[in-house]
C-alpha atoms as a PDB file:
ATOM      1  CA  MET A   1       0.038  -0.247   0.171  1.00  0.00           C
ATOM      2  CA  LEU A   2       2.651   2.654   0.810  1.00  0.00           C
ATOM      3  CA  ALA A   3       4.558   1.631  -2.410  1.00  0.00           C
ATOM      4  CA  SER A   4       2.144   2.496  -4.352  1.00  0.00           C
ATOM      5  CA  ALA A   5       1.543   6.502  -2.069  1.00  0.00           C
ATOM      6  CA  TRP A   6       4.919   6.622  -3.055  1.00  0.00           C
ATOM      7  CA  GLU A   7       5.420   5.803  -6.641  1.00  0.00           C
ATOM      8  CA  PHE A   8       3.233   9.085  -7.075  1.00  0.00           C
ATOM      9  CA  ALA A   9       5.886  10.833  -5.110  1.00  0.00           C
ATOM     10  CA  LYS A  10       8.153   9.703  -6.913  1.00  0.00           C
ATOM     11  CA  ARG A  11       6.841  10.877 -10.200  1.00  0.00           C
ATOM     12  CA  HIS A  12       6.781  14.151  -9.484  1.00  0.00           C
ATOM     13  CA  LYS A  13       9.745  13.765  -6.472  1.00  0.00           C
ATOM     14  CA  GLY A  14      11.525  17.145  -8.116  1.00  0.00           C
ATOM     15  CA  LYS A  15       8.591  18.934  -8.424  1.00  0.00           C
ATOM     16  CA  ILE A  16       8.039  18.196  -4.808  1.00  0.00           C
ATOM     17  CA  ILE A  17      11.722  18.792  -3.552  1.00  0.00           C
ATOM     18  CA  ALA A  18      11.927  22.252  -5.197  1.00  0.00           C
ATOM     19  CA  GLY A  19       8.620  23.119  -3.429  1.00  0.00           C
ATOM     20  CA  GLY A  20       9.858  22.447  -0.310  1.00  0.00           C
ATOM     21  CA  VAL A  21      11.448  25.809   0.635  1.00  0.00           C
ATOM     22  CA  LEU A  22       8.713  27.778  -0.750  1.00  0.00           C
ATOM     23  CA  VAL A  23       5.752  25.546   0.981  1.00  0.00           C
ATOM     24  CA  GLY A  24       7.352  24.618   3.995  1.00  0.00           C
ATOM     25  CA  SER A  25       6.869  27.562   6.005  1.00  0.00           C
ATOM     26  CA  ALA A  26       3.065  27.201   5.645  1.00  0.00           C
ATOM     27  CA  ILE A  27       2.811  23.500   6.207  1.00  0.00           C
ATOM     28  CA  ALA A  28       5.173  24.048   9.223  1.00  0.00           C
ATOM     29  CA  TYR A  29       2.879  26.114  10.983  1.00  0.00           C
ATOM     30  CA  ILE A  30      -0.289  24.016   9.804  1.00  0.00           C
ATOM     31  CA  GLN A  31       1.589  21.278  11.962  1.00  0.00           C
ATOM     32  CA  SER A  32       2.743  23.882  15.029  1.00  0.00           C
ATOM     33  CA  SER A  33      -0.910  25.694  15.057  1.00  0.00           C
ATOM     34  CA  SER A  34      -2.924  22.471  15.249  1.00  0.00           C
ATOM     35  CA  LYS A  35      -0.602  21.054  17.682  1.00  0.00           C
ATOM     36  CA  ASN A  36      -0.546  23.903  20.136  1.00  0.00           C
ATOM     37  CA  GLU A  37      -4.737  24.062  19.708  1.00  0.00           C
ATOM     38  CA  ALA A  38      -5.109  20.771  20.412  1.00  0.00           C
ATOM     39  CA  LEU A  39      -2.252  20.762  23.639  1.00  0.00           C
ATOM     40  CA  GLN A  40      -4.709  24.171  25.044  1.00  0.00           C
ATOM     41  CA  LYS A  41      -8.105  22.161  24.622  1.00  0.00           C
ATOM     42  CA  VAL A  42      -7.074  18.467  24.561  1.00  0.00           C
ATOM     43  CA  ASN A  43      -9.150  17.765  28.072  1.00  0.00           C
ATOM     44  CA  THR A  44     -11.931  19.673  27.080  1.00  0.00           C
ATOM     45  CA  SER A  45     -12.174  18.181  23.191  1.00  0.00           C
ATOM     46  CA  SER A  46     -11.976  14.587  24.836  1.00  0.00           C
ATOM     47  CA  GLU A  47     -15.056  15.253  27.091  1.00  0.00           C
ATOM     48  CA  LEU A  48     -16.991  16.339  23.828  1.00  0.00           C
ATOM     49  CA  PRO A  49     -19.560  14.312  22.314  1.00  0.00           C
ATOM     50  CA  ASN A  50     -19.101  13.583  18.767  1.00  0.00           C
ATOM     51  CA  GLN A  51     -20.998  16.476  16.798  1.00  0.00           C
ATOM     52  CA  ALA A  52     -19.173  18.988  19.483  1.00  0.00           C
ATOM     53  CA  ARG A  53     -15.890  17.041  18.827  1.00  0.00           C
ATOM     54  CA  ARG A  54     -16.010  17.401  14.896  1.00  0.00           C
ATOM     55  CA  HIS A  55     -17.138  21.332  15.484  1.00  0.00           C
ATOM     56  CA  TYR A  56     -13.971  21.846  17.314  1.00  0.00           C
ATOM     57  CA  ILE A  57     -11.738  19.646  14.822  1.00  0.00           C
ATOM     58  CA  PHE A  58     -13.257  21.652  12.037  1.00  0.00           C
ATOM     59  CA  ASP A  59     -12.723  24.882  13.475  1.00  0.00           C
ATOM     60  CA  SER A  60      -9.306  24.468  14.959  1.00  0.00           C
ATOM     61  CA  THR A  61      -7.932  23.147  11.295  1.00  0.00           C
ATOM     62  CA  HIS A  62      -9.478  25.734   9.339  1.00  0.00           C
ATOM     63  CA  ARG A  63      -8.219  28.771  11.023  1.00  0.00           C
ATOM     64  CA  SER A  64      -4.492  27.301  11.119  1.00  0.00           C
ATOM     65  CA  CYS A  65      -5.811  26.660   7.221  1.00  0.00           C
ATOM     66  CA  ASP A  66      -6.294  30.868   6.460  1.00  0.00           C
ATOM     67  CA  GLN A  67      -2.659  31.429   7.676  1.00  0.00           C
ATOM     68  CA  SER A  68      -1.461  28.987   5.439  1.00  0.00           C
ATOM     69  CA  ILE A  69      -3.177  30.132   2.288  1.00  0.00           C
ATOM     70  CA  THR A  70      -1.832  33.500   3.008  1.00  0.00           C
ATOM     71  CA  ASP A  71       1.653  32.103   3.674  1.00  0.00           C
ATOM     72  CA  LEU A  72       1.792  30.816   0.131  1.00  0.00           C
ATOM     73  CA  ILE A  73       0.763  34.028  -1.993  1.00  0.00           C
ATOM     74  CA  PRO A  74       4.003  35.618  -1.813  1.00  0.00           C
ATOM     75  CA  SER A  75       5.720  32.816  -4.352  1.00  0.00           C
ATOM     76  CA  ILE A  76       2.487  32.929  -6.358  1.00  0.00           C
ATOM     77  CA  VAL A  77       2.704  36.465  -6.933  1.00  0.00           C
ATOM     78  CA  SER A  78       6.567  36.312  -7.805  1.00  0.00           C
ATOM     79  CA  GLN A  79       5.358  34.054 -10.530  1.00  0.00           C
ATOM     80  CA  ILE A  80       2.861  36.281 -11.837  1.00  0.00           C
ATOM     81  CA  GLN A  81       5.158  38.946 -11.830  1.00  0.00           C
ATOM     82  CA  ALA A  82       8.231  37.258 -13.589  1.00  0.00           C
ATOM     83  CA  ARG A  83       5.523  35.581 -16.227  1.00  0.00           C
ATOM     84  CA  PHE A  84       3.672  38.562 -17.293  1.00  0.00           C
ATOM     85  CA  ASP A  85       6.387  41.226 -16.779  1.00  0.00           C
ATOM     86  CA  VAL A  86       4.234  44.689 -16.958  1.00  0.00           C
ATOM     87  CA  GLU A  87       7.165  47.202 -15.168  1.00  0.00           C
ATOM     88  CA  ALA A  88       9.324  45.989 -17.954  1.00  0.00           C
ATOM     89  CA  ILE A  89       7.465  47.091 -20.788  1.00  0.00           C
ATOM     90  CA  GLN A  90       6.288  50.290 -18.911  1.00  0.00           C
ATOM     91  CA  GLU A  91       9.920  51.495 -18.463  1.00  0.00           C
ATOM     92  CA  LYS A  92      10.656  50.605 -22.216  1.00  0.00           C
ATOM     93  CA  LEU A  93       8.274  52.830 -23.275  1.00  0.00           C
ATOM     94  CA  LYS A  94       8.794  55.415 -20.447  1.00  0.00           C
ATOM     95  CA  ASN A  95      12.963  55.535 -21.449  1.00  0.00           C
ATOM     96  CA  THR A  96      13.290  54.705 -25.021  1.00  0.00           C
ATOM     97  CA  PRO A  97      12.681  57.333 -26.730  1.00  0.00           C
ATOM     98  CA  ASP A  98      13.960  56.619 -30.306  1.00  0.00           C
ATOM     99  CA  LEU A  99      11.208  53.945 -30.243  1.00  0.00           C
ATOM    100  CA  THR A 100       9.086  54.039 -33.657  1.00  0.00           C
ATOM    101  CA  ALA A 101       5.386  54.373 -33.548  1.00  0.00           C
ATOM    102  CA  ASP A 102       5.251  49.756 -35.120  1.00  0.00           C
ATOM    103  CA  GLN A 103       7.149  49.545 -32.012  1.00  0.00           C
ATOM    104  CA  LYS A 104       5.479  51.589 -29.744  1.00  0.00           C
ATOM    105  CA  ILE A 105       2.001  50.266 -30.283  1.00  0.00           C
ATOM    106  CA  GLN A 106       3.412  46.483 -30.382  1.00  0.00           C
ATOM    107  CA  LEU A 107       4.838  47.233 -26.602  1.00  0.00           C
ATOM    108  CA  TRP A 108       0.790  49.256 -26.151  1.00  0.00           C
ATOM    109  CA  ASP A 109      -0.702  45.756 -27.369  1.00  0.00           C
ATOM    110  CA  GLN A 110       2.155  43.370 -25.094  1.00  0.00           C
ATOM    111  CA  LEU A 111       1.344  45.543 -21.756  1.00  0.00           C
ATOM    112  CA  LYS A 112      -2.295  45.269 -22.703  1.00  0.00           C
ATOM    113  CA  LYS A 113      -2.238  41.278 -22.785  1.00  0.00           C
ATOM    114  CA  ASN A 114       0.248  40.907 -19.630  1.00  0.00           C
ATOM    115  CA  VAL A 115      -2.109  43.254 -17.563  1.00  0.00           C
ATOM    116  CA  PHE A 116      -5.366  41.852 -18.444  1.00  0.00           C
ATOM    117  CA  CYS A 117      -3.565  38.503 -18.006  1.00  0.00           C
ATOM    118  CA  ARG A 118      -2.412  39.674 -14.692  1.00  0.00           C
ATOM    119  CA  ILE A 119      -5.578  39.926 -13.236  1.00  0.00           C
ATOM    120  CA  VAL A 120      -6.986  36.640 -14.275  1.00  0.00           C
ATOM    121  CA  SER A 121      -3.822  35.155 -13.246  1.00  0.00           C
ATOM    122  CA  VAL A 122      -4.234  36.545  -9.380  1.00  0.00           C
ATOM    123  CA  ALA A 123      -7.998  35.457  -9.413  1.00  0.00           C
ATOM    124  CA  PHE A 124      -7.735  31.885 -10.056  1.00  0.00           C
ATOM    125  CA  GLY A 125      -4.532  31.086  -8.832  1.00  0.00           C
ATOM    126  CA  PHE A 126      -5.492  32.820  -5.758  1.00  0.00           C
ATOM    127  CA  SER A 127      -8.984  31.178  -5.667  1.00  0.00           C
ATOM    128  CA  ILE A 128      -7.795  27.466  -6.776  1.00  0.00           C
ATOM    129  CA  LEU A 129      -5.531  27.721  -3.739  1.00  0.00           C
ATOM    130  CA  THR A 130      -8.106  28.830  -1.551  1.00  0.00           C
ATOM    131  CA  LEU A 131     -10.507  25.575  -2.904  1.00  0.00           C
ATOM    132  CA  THR A 132      -7.794  23.484  -2.907  1.00  0.00           C
ATOM    133  CA  LEU A 133      -6.256  23.858   0.727  1.00  0.00           C
ATOM    134  CA  LYS A 134      -9.774  24.332   2.181  1.00  0.00           C
ATOM    135  CA  ALA A 135     -10.594  20.752   0.591  1.00  0.00           C
ATOM    136  CA  GLN A 136      -8.035  19.314   2.314  1.00  0.00           C
ATOM    137  CA  ILE A 137      -8.228  20.427   5.435  1.00  0.00           C
ATOM    138  CA  SER A 138     -11.569  19.547   5.907  1.00  0.00           C
ATOM    139  CA  ILE A 139     -10.842  16.316   4.061  1.00  0.00           C
ATOM    140  CA  LEU A 140      -8.065  15.524   6.926  1.00  0.00           C
ATOM    141  CA  ALA A 141     -10.253  16.766   9.578  1.00  0.00           C
ATOM    142  CA  ALA A 142     -12.982  14.392   8.622  1.00  0.00           C
ATOM    143  CA  ASP A 143     -10.521  11.828   9.035  1.00  0.00           C
ATOM    144  CA  THR A 144      -9.529  12.807  12.097  1.00  0.00           C
ATOM    145  CA  CYS A 145     -13.287  12.893  13.600  1.00  0.00           C
ATOM    146  CA  ALA A 146     -13.709   9.057  11.482  1.00  0.00           C
ATOM    147  CA  GLN A 147     -10.616   7.926  13.224  1.00  0.00           C
ATOM    148  CA  PHE A 148     -11.076   9.516  16.394  1.00  0.00           C
ATOM    149  CA  GLU A 149     -15.136   7.912  16.727  1.00  0.00           C
ATOM    150  CA  GLN A 150     -13.954   4.692  15.859  1.00  0.00           C
ATOM    151  CA  ARG A 151     -11.060   4.638  18.351  1.00  0.00           C
ATOM    152  CA  ASN A 152     -13.716   5.220  21.271  1.00  0.00           C
ATOM    153  CA  LYS A 153     -15.608   2.343  19.317  1.00  0.00           C
ATOM    154  CA  GLN A 154     -12.663   0.040  21.185  1.00  0.00           C
ATOM    155  CA  PRO A 155     -12.827   0.067  24.846  1.00  0.00           C
ATOM    156  CA  THR A 156      -9.232  -0.005  25.712  1.00  0.00           C
ATOM    157  CA  TRP A 157      -7.164   1.976  28.512  1.00  0.00           C
ATOM    158  CA  GLN A 158      -6.009   3.977  25.501  1.00  0.00           C
ATOM    159  CA  ASN A 159      -8.990   5.659  25.024  1.00  0.00           C
ATOM    160  CA  TYR A 160      -8.927   7.337  28.353  1.00  0.00           C
ATOM    161  CA  LEU A 161      -5.232   8.697  27.868  1.00  0.00           C
ATOM    162  CA  PRO A 162      -5.353  12.706  27.314  1.00  0.00           C
ATOM    163  CA  GLU A 163      -2.762  12.360  24.448  1.00  0.00           C
ATOM    164  CA  SER A 164      -4.691  10.476  22.039  1.00  0.00           C
ATOM    165  CA  MET A 165      -7.079  13.117  20.878  1.00  0.00           C
ATOM    166  CA  ASN A 166      -3.346  15.680  19.957  1.00  0.00           C
ATOM    167  CA  SER A 167      -1.383  12.760  18.238  1.00  0.00           C
ATOM    168  CA  ILE A 168      -4.577  12.370  16.176  1.00  0.00           C
ATOM    169  CA  LEU A 169      -4.451  15.935  15.493  1.00  0.00           C
ATOM    170  CA  SER A 170      -0.908  16.004  14.953  1.00  0.00           C
ATOM    171  CA  SER A 171      -0.525  12.885  12.663  1.00  0.00           C
ATOM    172  CA  LYS A 172      -3.369  14.330  10.346  1.00  0.00           C
ATOM    173  CA  MET A 173      -1.583  17.844   9.820  1.00  0.00           C
ATOM    174  CA  GLY A 174       2.071  16.051   9.757  1.00  0.00           C
ATOM    175  CA  SER A 175       3.382  16.086  13.131  1.00  0.00           C
ATOM    176  CA  ASN A 176       6.445  13.717  13.643  1.00  0.00           C
ATOM    177  CA  SER A 177       5.241  12.892  17.038  1.00  0.00           C
ATOM    178  CA  SER A 178       2.427   9.914  16.932  1.00  0.00           C
ATOM    179  CA  ASN A 179       0.533   7.453  19.127  1.00  0.00           C
ATOM    180  CA  PRO A 180       1.963   3.997  19.416  1.00  0.00           C
ATOM    181  CA  THR A 181      -1.779   2.645  17.750  1.00  0.00           C
ATOM    182  CA  ASP A 182      -1.037   5.009  14.732  1.00  0.00           C
ATOM    183  CA  ASN A 183      -0.525   3.318  11.377  1.00  0.00           C
ATOM    184  CA  PRO A 184       2.774   5.135  10.786  1.00  0.00           C
ATOM    185  CA  MET A 185       1.844   4.223   6.851  1.00  0.00           C
ATOM    186  CA  ASP A 186      -1.025   6.523   7.245  1.00  0.00           C
ATOM    187  CA  VAL A 187       0.737   9.309   8.453  1.00  0.00           C
ATOM    188  CA  GLY A 188       3.155   9.126   5.913  1.00  0.00           C
ATOM    189  CA  ASN A 189       0.516   9.192   2.715  1.00  0.00           C
ATOM    190  CA  ARG A 190      -1.489  12.358   4.951  1.00  0.00           C
ATOM    191  CA  ARG A 191       1.688  13.910   4.583  1.00  0.00           C
ATOM    192  CA  ILE A 192       2.498  13.138   0.313  1.00  0.00           C
ATOM    193  CA  PHE A 193      -1.809  14.057   0.358  1.00  0.00           C
ATOM    194  CA  LEU A 194      -0.876  17.564   2.265  1.00  0.00           C
ATOM    195  CA  GLN A 195       1.768  18.245   0.004  1.00  0.00           C
ATOM    196  CA  CYS A 196       0.536  18.160  -3.149  1.00  0.00           C
ATOM    197  CA  VAL A 197       0.070  21.912  -2.940  1.00  0.00           C
ATOM    198  CA  GLN A 198       3.437  22.011  -4.015  1.00  0.00           C
ATOM    199  CA  TYR A 199       2.975  20.522  -7.016  1.00  0.00           C
ATOM    200  CA  PHE A 200      -0.119  23.521  -7.325  1.00  0.00           C
ATOM    201  CA  THR A 201       2.321  26.116  -6.670  1.00  0.00           C
ATOM    202  CA  LEU A 202       5.274  24.894  -8.382  1.00  0.00           C
ATOM    203  CA  ARG A 203       3.672  23.257 -11.446  1.00  0.00           C
ATOM    204  CA  GLY A 204       0.341  24.220 -11.355  1.00  0.00           C
ATOM    205  CA  ILE A 205       0.431  27.982 -11.361  1.00  0.00           C
ATOM    206  CA  PRO A 206       2.804  28.236 -14.793  1.00  0.00           C
ATOM    207  CA  GLU A 207       0.552  25.790 -16.144  1.00  0.00           C
ATOM    208  CA  LEU A 208      -2.698  28.218 -15.017  1.00  0.00           C
ATOM    209  CA  MET A 209      -0.917  31.247 -16.531  1.00  0.00           C
ATOM    210  CA  GLU A 210      -0.377  29.263 -19.923  1.00  0.00           C
ATOM    211  CA  TYR A 211      -4.346  28.439 -20.312  1.00  0.00           C
ATOM    212  CA  VAL A 212      -4.432  32.298 -19.383  1.00  0.00           C
ATOM    213  CA  ALA A 213      -2.029  33.845 -22.019  1.00  0.00           C
ATOM    214  CA  GLU A 214      -3.918  31.397 -24.520  1.00  0.00           C
ATOM    215  CA  SER A 215      -7.605  32.850 -23.419  1.00  0.00           C
ATOM    216  CA  VAL A 216      -6.545  36.200 -23.240  1.00  0.00           C
ATOM    217  CA  SER A 217      -4.732  37.072 -26.104  1.00  0.00           C
ATOM    218  CA  ALA A 218      -7.904  35.354 -28.402  1.00  0.00           C
ATOM    219  CA  GLU A 219     -10.824  37.446 -26.548  1.00  0.00           C
ATOM    220  CA  LEU A 220      -7.968  40.344 -27.151  1.00  0.00           C
ATOM    221  CA  GLN A 221      -7.308  40.371 -30.566  1.00  0.00           C
ATOM    222  CA  ASN A 222      -9.928  42.066 -32.506  1.00  0.00           C
ATOM    223  CA  TRP A 223     -10.160  45.637 -29.707  1.00  0.00           C
ATOM    224  CA  LYS A 224      -8.141  48.023 -30.339  1.00  0.00           C
ATOM    225  CA  LEU A 225      -6.797  50.289 -27.798  1.00  0.00           C
ATOM    226  CA  THR A 226      -8.898  53.777 -28.811  1.00  0.00           C
ATOM    227  CA  ASP A 227     -11.453  51.143 -28.519  1.00  0.00           C
ATOM    228  CA  VAL A 228     -14.412  52.912 -26.187  1.00  0.00           C
ATOM    229  CA  LYS A 229     -15.411  49.930 -23.662  1.00  0.00           C
ATOM    230  CA  THR A 230     -17.815  50.464 -21.038  1.00  0.00           C
ATOM    231  CA  LYS A 231     -17.268  48.363 -17.912  1.00  0.00           C
ATOM    232  CA  HIS A 232     -19.916  46.384 -18.450  1.00  0.00           C
ATOM    233  CA  GLU A 233     -18.201  45.048 -21.038  1.00  0.00           C
ATOM    234  CA  MET A 234     -14.871  44.467 -19.404  1.00  0.00           C
ATOM    235  CA  ARG A 235     -16.994  42.625 -17.380  1.00  0.00           C
ATOM    236  CA  ASP A 236     -17.935  40.384 -20.045  1.00  0.00           C
ATOM    237  CA  LEU A 237     -14.571  39.714 -20.864  1.00  0.00           C
ATOM    238  CA  PHE A 238     -13.195  38.107 -17.668  1.00  0.00           C
ATOM    239  CA  ASP A 239     -16.451  36.252 -17.604  1.00  0.00           C
ATOM    240  CA  LYS A 240     -15.600  34.959 -21.571  1.00  0.00           C
ATOM    241  CA  VAL A 241     -12.336  34.070 -20.479  1.00  0.00           C
ATOM    242  CA  SER A 242     -12.983  32.580 -17.691  1.00  0.00           C
ATOM    243  CA  TYR A 243     -15.201  30.375 -19.475  1.00  0.00           C
ATOM    244  CA  LYS A 244     -12.709  29.250 -21.660  1.00  0.00           C
ATOM    245  CA  ILE A 245     -10.040  28.481 -18.670  1.00  0.00           C
ATOM    246  CA  SER A 246     -12.815  26.421 -16.631  1.00  0.00           C
ATOM    247  CA  PHE A 247     -12.659  23.257 -18.933  1.00  0.00           C
ATOM    248  CA  THR A 248     -13.711  19.784 -17.047  1.00  0.00           C
ATOM    249  CA  GLY A 249     -10.584  18.745 -15.193  1.00  0.00           C
ATOM    250  CA  LEU A 250      -8.920  22.082 -15.104  1.00  0.00           C
ATOM    251  CA  LEU A 251      -8.607  21.465 -11.014  1.00  0.00           C
ATOM    252  CA  THR A 252      -7.240  17.833 -10.999  1.00  0.00           C
ATOM    253  CA  LYS A 253      -4.680  18.400 -13.620  1.00  0.00           C
ATOM    254  CA  LEU A 254      -3.401  21.627 -11.908  1.00  0.00           C
ATOM    255  CA  VAL A 255      -3.499  20.382  -8.157  1.00  0.00           C
ATOM    256  CA  ALA A 256      -3.316  16.618  -8.202  1.00  0.00           C
ATOM    257  CA  PRO A 257      -3.162  15.022 -11.940  1.00  0.00           C
ATOM    258  CA  LEU A 258      -3.203  10.932 -11.131  1.00  0.00           C
ATOM    259  CA  ASP A 259      -1.777   8.506 -13.490  1.00  0.00           C
ATOM    260  CA  GLY A 260      -3.995   5.783 -14.812  1.00  0.00           C
ATOM    261  CA  ASP A 261      -1.749   2.866 -13.341  1.00  0.00           C
ATOM    262  CA  VAL A 262      -1.317   4.118  -9.881  1.00  0.00           C
ATOM    263  CA  ASP A 263      -2.495   1.791  -7.237  1.00  0.00           C
ATOM    264  CA  SER A 264      -6.578   3.370  -6.088  1.00  0.00           C
ATOM    265  CA  SER A 265      -6.756   1.493  -3.057  1.00  0.00           C
ATOM    266  CA  SER A 266      -3.711   2.538  -1.336  1.00  0.00           C
ATOM    267  CA  SER A 267      -4.328   5.403   1.424  1.00  0.00           C
ATOM    268  CA  VAL A 268      -2.813   7.923   0.039  1.00  0.00           C
ATOM    269  CA  MET A 269      -4.508   7.259  -3.089  1.00  0.00           C
ATOM    270  CA  LYS A 270      -8.129   7.599  -1.782  1.00  0.00           C
ATOM    271  CA  LEU A 271      -7.338  11.232  -0.049  1.00  0.00           C
ATOM    272  CA  LEU A 272      -6.446  12.167  -3.364  1.00  0.00           C
ATOM    273  CA  GLN A 273      -8.909  10.636  -5.003  1.00  0.00           C
ATOM    274  CA  LYS A 274     -11.764  12.543  -2.901  1.00  0.00           C
ATOM    275  CA  LEU A 275      -9.990  15.604  -3.374  1.00  0.00           C
ATOM    276  CA  THR A 276     -10.420  15.547  -6.839  1.00  0.00           C
ATOM    277  CA  ASN A 277     -14.080  14.441  -6.561  1.00  0.00           C
ATOM    278  CA  ASN A 278     -14.445  17.459  -4.607  1.00  0.00           C
ATOM    279  CA  LEU A 279     -12.923  19.850  -6.776  1.00  0.00           C
ATOM    280  CA  GLU A 280     -14.260  18.278  -9.526  1.00  0.00           C
ATOM    281  CA  SER A 281     -18.037  18.805  -8.122  1.00  0.00           C
ATOM    282  CA  SER A 282     -20.668  21.496  -8.925  1.00  0.00           C
ATOM    283  CA  LYS A 283     -20.209  23.015  -6.060  1.00  0.00           C
ATOM    284  CA  SER A 284     -16.731  23.470  -6.305  1.00  0.00           C
ATOM    285  CA  ILE A 285     -17.174  25.336  -9.673  1.00  0.00           C
ATOM    286  CA  HIS A 286     -19.403  27.303  -8.233  1.00  0.00           C
ATOM    287  CA  VAL A 287     -17.808  28.480  -5.480  1.00  0.00           C
ATOM    288  CA  LEU A 288     -14.739  29.429  -7.890  1.00  0.00           C
ATOM    289  CA  ASN A 289     -16.637  32.004  -9.809  1.00  0.00           C
ATOM    290  CA  SER A 290     -18.014  33.698  -6.604  1.00  0.00           C
ATOM    291  CA  LEU A 291     -14.132  33.688  -5.719  1.00  0.00           C
ATOM    292  CA  LEU A 292     -13.311  34.713  -8.764  1.00  0.00           C
ATOM    293  CA  ASP A 293     -15.797  37.811  -8.241  1.00  0.00           C
ATOM    294  CA  PHE A 294     -14.194  39.309  -5.884  1.00  0.00           C
ATOM    295  CA  TYR A 295     -10.755  39.808  -8.148  1.00  0.00           C
ATOM    296  CA  PHE A 296     -12.327  41.143 -10.736  1.00  0.00           C
ATOM    297  CA  SER A 297     -15.158  43.843  -8.872  1.00  0.00           C
ATOM    298  CA  ALA A 298     -11.734  44.948  -7.595  1.00  0.00           C
ATOM    299  CA  ALA A 299      -9.962  45.587 -10.167  1.00  0.00           C
ATOM    300  CA  LEU A 300     -13.099  47.308 -11.898  1.00  0.00           C
ATOM    301  CA  ARG A 301     -13.523  49.485  -9.276  1.00  0.00           C
ATOM    302  CA  MET A 302      -9.984  50.965  -9.552  1.00  0.00           C
ATOM    303  CA  VAL A 303     -11.474  52.409 -12.805  1.00  0.00           C
ATOM    304  CA  GLU A 304     -12.792  55.831 -12.729  1.00  0.00           C
ATOM    305  CA  ASN A 305     -15.246  56.107 -15.985  1.00  0.00           C
ATOM    306  CA  ASP A 306     -18.132  53.862 -16.789  1.00  0.00           C
ATOM    307  CA  GLU A 307     -16.653  54.291 -19.991  1.00  0.00           C
ATOM    308  CA  GLN A 308     -13.465  54.526 -22.001  1.00  0.00           C
ATOM    309  CA  SER A 309     -10.676  53.719 -24.277  1.00  0.00           C
ATOM    310  CA  LEU A 310      -9.055  50.467 -23.789  1.00  0.00           C
ATOM    311  CA  VAL A 311      -6.086  52.096 -23.544  1.00  0.00           C
ATOM    312  CA  LYS A 312      -7.252  54.614 -20.937  1.00  0.00           C
ATOM    313  CA  TYR A 313      -7.828  50.935 -18.733  1.00  0.00           C
ATOM    314  CA  VAL A 314      -4.442  49.416 -19.109  1.00  0.00           C
ATOM    315  CA  PRO A 315      -3.288  51.927 -16.181  1.00  0.00           C
ATOM    316  CA  SER A 316      -5.997  51.562 -13.871  1.00  0.00           C
ATOM    317  CA  PHE A 317      -5.483  47.651 -14.431  1.00  0.00           C
ATOM    318  CA  SER A 318      -2.059  47.903 -13.537  1.00  0.00           C
ATOM    319  CA  ASN A 319      -2.311  49.522 -10.730  1.00  0.00           C
ATOM    320  CA  SER A 320      -5.099  47.172  -9.391  1.00  0.00           C
ATOM    321  CA  PHE A 321      -1.665  44.607  -8.626  1.00  0.00           C
ATOM    322  CA  PRO A 322      -0.948  45.857  -5.486  1.00  0.00           C
ATOM    323  CA  VAL A 323      -4.648  45.512  -4.379  1.00  0.00           C
ATOM    324  CA  LEU A 324      -5.487  42.304  -5.880  1.00  0.00           C
ATOM    325  CA  THR A 325      -2.476  40.776  -4.134  1.00  0.00           C
ATOM    326  CA  SER A 326      -2.795  42.216  -0.826  1.00  0.00           C
ATOM    327  CA  THR A 327      -3.126  39.923   1.855  1.00  0.00           C
ATOM    328  CA  SER A 328      -4.733  42.837   4.563  1.00  0.00           C
ATOM    329  CA  PHE A 329      -8.111  43.168   6.037  1.00  0.00           C
ATOM    330  CA  ASP A 330     -11.028  43.564   3.102  1.00  0.00           C
ATOM    331  CA  SER A 331      -8.602  42.401   0.190  1.00  0.00           C
ATOM    332  CA  PRO A 332     -10.228  39.821  -2.514  1.00  0.00           C
ATOM    333  CA  LEU A 333      -8.676  37.266  -0.476  1.00  0.00           C
ATOM    334  CA  PHE A 334      -9.324  38.310   2.748  1.00  0.00           C
ATOM    335  CA  ASN A 335     -12.845  38.510   1.744  1.00  0.00           C
ATOM    336  CA  SER A 336     -13.032  35.155   0.137  1.00  0.00           C
ATOM    337  CA  LEU A 337     -11.474  33.623   2.759  1.00  0.00           C
ATOM    338  CA  TYR A 338     -14.041  34.802   5.516  1.00  0.00           C
ATOM    339  CA  SER A 339     -17.513  34.501   2.585  1.00  0.00           C
ATOM    340  CA  SER A 340     -19.929  32.659   3.725  1.00  0.00           C
ATOM    341  CA  ASP A 341     -19.892  30.419   0.258  1.00  0.00           C
ATOM    342  CA  ILE A 342     -15.983  29.077   1.044  1.00  0.00           C
ATOM    343  CA  HIS A 343     -16.987  28.477   4.377  1.00  0.00           C
ATOM    344  CA  GLN A 344     -20.274  26.295   3.294  1.00  0.00           C
ATOM    345  CA  PHE A 345     -17.965  24.204   0.449  1.00  0.00           C
ATOM    346  CA  ALA A 346     -15.992  23.288   3.358  1.00  0.00           C
ATOM    347  CA  VAL A 347     -18.463  22.103   5.695  1.00  0.00           C
ATOM    348  CA  TYR A 348     -19.851  20.346   2.266  1.00  0.00           C
ATOM    349  CA  VAL A 349     -16.271  18.667   1.334  1.00  0.00           C
ATOM    350  CA  PHE A 350     -16.169  17.843   5.613  1.00  0.00           C
ATOM    351  CA  ASN A 351     -19.444  16.063   5.280  1.00  0.00           C
ATOM    352  CA  SER A 352     -18.723  14.231   2.025  1.00  0.00           C
END
């Protein structure tokens, strides 16, 4: 069972190892936060009835998850900035006076595409990261509850150890300490499962940006810089691009692409399959669209006029990038993390 689990890790070992530096701090935060919270309330939670315990585990793990999402944002932002380099084009337009008219038009056209690609990449990248980690943590929290309830059905002296709750919570979040009754293979599989977010930040984000570049270019090919567009038309553009990007299987492809020859009976593959099933559900697609709206609406709020030429949208959308990538209060990310839609999705996955 463990051999098949590690086959998945070996296929992508280079990606996972490289991702350790980028996402290690976030995973470490999950581990330490969940462990500390469990230590503080372990005795109380051990005495709770099943339903109250489930609420406690769900809430405590998702508080850690919110901070982990925030910690992963800088690595995504840096990749988007590098792939769609707006500043370099702006600098060239500003400091190269001998450019010909055709060269200026070409640069402005590329600037236009890069500005739009940045907005769409941030919207999709941040939203998919939020969906993925919320789903992962909900799955692990549900698994924690199931094992705790199963253990309580076995009347042994170990059920009454105060450390049991801490051990189970820690093992789900990747702690090195484990209860003697924990299966070390299961602990290892959970760690591999949690690390699939590394695949998304390293391989999924670059692939996503290629889809974005292709879709944005297709939609903008007939839009001239002198064309007058309304905010409503601009929002339609974002929706059309989103529709092209959101093909069936997108989230699985970006987060956890599963090969057909893997052992589907192994623990880690069951966790991954549950993750992909939830990510590709109609509920997930609905929530993804609602999260995208936070970013597109924030970008359009940076535009003063309801109707203007396309060339005037470019600087406004360029200036929106720090707003879209902010993690502060009332940022699109903050609003999405605390939206009712994402909470309902997390509960949906937890109970699935």
